[in-house]
Amino acid sequence: MLAHQEVIFGSTGQTLTIRQDSSDRSSLCLECSWLSREFLTFTGVDVGLETLMDV
């Protein structure tokens, strides 16, 4: 496995798990391509991907 990410939300008596696994570098190519185009437009410091992705 190349990369593993897991986000867990929960409350009393329940959890919701979102999991993503990458087993090949080709799965990361889209993100790297986007980052290489957008990198020069970044200014300052941002916390969280949503600030970069206009979510």
N, C-alpha and C. Protein backbone atom coordinates (compact mmCIF):
# COMPACT_ATOMS: atom_id res chain seq x y z
N MET A 1 0.84 -1.16 0.00
CA MET A 1 0.00 0.00 0.00
C MET A 1 0.89 1.24 0.00
N LEU A 2 0.59 2.16 -0.87
CA LEU A 2 1.37 3.39 -1.00
C LEU A 2 0.90 4.46 -0.01
N ALA A 3 -0.42 4.61 0.12
CA ALA A 3 -0.96 5.63 1.03
C ALA A 3 -2.30 5.16 1.58
N HIS A 4 -2.59 5.59 2.80
CA HIS A 4 -3.84 5.23 3.46
C HIS A 4 -4.32 6.45 4.23
N GLN A 5 -5.60 6.76 4.07
CA GLN A 5 -6.19 7.88 4.81
C GLN A 5 -7.52 7.42 5.36
N GLU A 6 -7.81 7.80 6.58
CA GLU A 6 -9.07 7.41 7.21
C GLU A 6 -9.59 8.59 8.02
N VAL A 7 -10.85 8.93 7.82
CA VAL A 7 -11.50 10.00 8.57
C VAL A 7 -12.66 9.36 9.33
N ILE A 8 -12.71 9.57 10.64
CA ILE A 8 -13.73 8.94 11.47
C ILE A 8 -14.55 10.02 12.16
N PHE A 9 -15.86 9.98 11.93
CA PHE A 9 -16.81 10.85 12.61
C PHE A 9 -17.58 9.98 13.59
N GLY A 10 -17.94 10.51 14.74
CA GLY A 10 -18.66 9.67 15.67
C GLY A 10 -19.49 10.43 16.67
N SER A 11 -20.37 9.69 17.28
CA SER A 11 -21.21 10.18 18.35
C SER A 11 -21.49 8.99 19.26
N THR A 12 -22.23 9.19 20.29
CA THR A 12 -22.52 8.11 21.21
C THR A 12 -23.18 6.94 20.48
N GLY A 13 -22.51 5.80 20.49
CA GLY A 13 -23.07 4.59 19.91
C GLY A 13 -22.97 4.45 18.41
N GLN A 14 -22.27 5.36 17.73
CA GLN A 14 -22.16 5.24 16.27
C GLN A 14 -20.89 5.90 15.76
N THR A 15 -20.39 5.39 14.65
CA THR A 15 -19.26 6.01 13.96
C THR A 15 -19.49 5.90 12.46
N LEU A 16 -18.95 6.87 11.73
CA LEU A 16 -18.93 6.86 10.27
C LEU A 16 -17.47 6.95 9.87
N THR A 17 -16.99 5.98 9.09
CA THR A 17 -15.60 5.95 8.68
C THR A 17 -15.51 6.08 7.17
N ILE A 18 -14.70 7.04 6.71
CA ILE A 18 -14.41 7.20 5.28
C ILE A 18 -12.95 6.83 5.10
N ARG A 19 -12.67 5.87 4.23
CA ARG A 19 -11.31 5.36 4.06
C ARG A 19 -10.91 5.40 2.59
N GLN A 20 -9.66 5.78 2.34
CA GLN A 20 -9.12 5.82 0.99
C GLN A 20 -7.75 5.17 1.02
N ASP A 21 -7.53 4.22 0.11
CA ASP A 21 -6.24 3.55 -0.01
C ASP A 21 -5.71 3.74 -1.43
N SER A 22 -4.43 4.03 -1.55
CA SER A 22 -3.77 4.12 -2.86
C SER A 22 -2.72 3.03 -2.94
N SER A 23 -2.76 2.26 -4.01
CA SER A 23 -1.79 1.18 -4.16
C SER A 23 -0.84 1.42 -5.32
N ASP A 24 -1.03 2.54 -6.04
CA ASP A 24 -0.18 2.83 -7.20
C ASP A 24 -0.02 4.34 -7.31
N ARG A 25 1.14 4.79 -7.67
CA ARG A 25 1.40 6.24 -7.78
C ARG A 25 0.53 6.92 -8.83
N SER A 26 0.05 6.18 -9.81
CA SER A 26 -0.78 6.79 -10.85
C SER A 26 -2.07 7.37 -10.27
N SER A 27 -2.52 6.86 -9.14
CA SER A 27 -3.73 7.39 -8.51
C SER A 27 -3.52 8.80 -7.97
N LEU A 28 -2.28 9.21 -7.79
CA LEU A 28 -1.97 10.53 -7.26
C LEU A 28 -1.66 11.55 -8.35
N CYS A 29 -1.62 11.13 -9.60
CA CYS A 29 -1.22 12.01 -10.70
C CYS A 29 -2.15 13.19 -10.89
N LEU A 30 -3.46 12.99 -10.76
CA LEU A 30 -4.41 14.08 -10.94
C LEU A 30 -4.16 15.19 -9.93
N GLU A 31 -3.96 14.83 -8.67
CA GLU A 31 -3.71 15.83 -7.63
C GLU A 31 -2.39 16.56 -7.87
N CYS A 32 -1.36 15.83 -8.27
CA CYS A 32 -0.06 16.46 -8.54
C CYS A 32 -0.15 17.42 -9.71
N SER A 33 -0.91 17.05 -10.72
CA SER A 33 -1.10 17.91 -11.88
C SER A 33 -1.82 19.20 -11.48
N TRP A 34 -2.87 19.07 -10.68
CA TRP A 34 -3.62 20.24 -10.21
C TRP A 34 -2.72 21.15 -9.38
N LEU A 35 -1.96 20.55 -8.46
CA LEU A 35 -1.09 21.33 -7.58
C LEU A 35 -0.02 22.08 -8.37
N SER A 36 0.54 21.44 -9.39
CA SER A 36 1.59 22.11 -10.17
C SER A 36 1.04 23.31 -10.92
N ARG A 37 -0.24 23.27 -11.33
CA ARG A 37 -0.85 24.42 -12.01
C ARG A 37 -1.22 25.53 -11.04
N GLU A 38 -1.69 25.18 -9.85
CA GLU A 38 -2.22 26.15 -8.90
C GLU A 38 -1.19 26.72 -7.93
N PHE A 39 -0.05 26.08 -7.80
CA PHE A 39 0.92 26.43 -6.77
C PHE A 39 1.32 27.90 -6.81
N LEU A 40 1.55 28.45 -7.98
CA LEU A 40 2.03 29.83 -8.08
C LEU A 40 0.97 30.86 -7.70
N THR A 41 -0.30 30.45 -7.61
CA THR A 41 -1.35 31.39 -7.23
C THR A 41 -1.55 31.46 -5.72
N PHE A 42 -0.91 30.60 -4.96
CA PHE A 42 -1.08 30.56 -3.51
C PHE A 42 -0.38 31.76 -2.87
N THR A 43 -1.06 32.39 -1.92
CA THR A 43 -0.46 33.48 -1.15
C THR A 43 -0.79 33.26 0.32
N GLY A 44 0.11 33.61 1.19
CA GLY A 44 -0.14 33.48 2.62
C GLY A 44 -0.16 32.04 3.09
N VAL A 45 -0.81 31.84 4.23
CA VAL A 45 -0.92 30.52 4.83
C VAL A 45 -2.39 30.16 4.98
N ASP A 46 -2.77 28.98 4.51
CA ASP A 46 -4.14 28.49 4.64
C ASP A 46 -4.12 27.18 5.40
N VAL A 47 -5.17 26.91 6.14
CA VAL A 47 -5.31 25.66 6.86
C VAL A 47 -6.51 24.92 6.28
N GLY A 48 -6.29 23.68 5.81
CA GLY A 48 -7.38 22.87 5.27
C GLY A 48 -7.43 22.93 3.75
N LEU A 49 -7.73 21.80 3.14
CA LEU A 49 -7.81 21.73 1.69
C LEU A 49 -8.97 22.52 1.12
N GLU A 50 -10.05 22.70 1.90
CA GLU A 50 -11.21 23.41 1.38
C GLU A 50 -10.88 24.84 0.98
N THR A 51 -9.89 25.46 1.60
CA THR A 51 -9.50 26.82 1.22
C THR A 51 -8.80 26.84 -0.13
N LEU A 52 -8.15 25.75 -0.50
CA LEU A 52 -7.46 25.67 -1.78
C LEU A 52 -8.39 25.23 -2.91
N MET A 53 -9.44 24.49 -2.58
CA MET A 53 -10.29 23.88 -3.58
C MET A 53 -11.60 24.63 -3.78
N ASP A 54 -11.77 25.80 -3.16
CA ASP A 54 -13.00 26.60 -3.28
C ASP A 54 -14.23 25.79 -2.92
N VAL A 55 -14.15 25.02 -1.85
CA VAL A 55 -15.29 24.20 -1.40
C VAL A 55 -16.12 25.00 -0.44
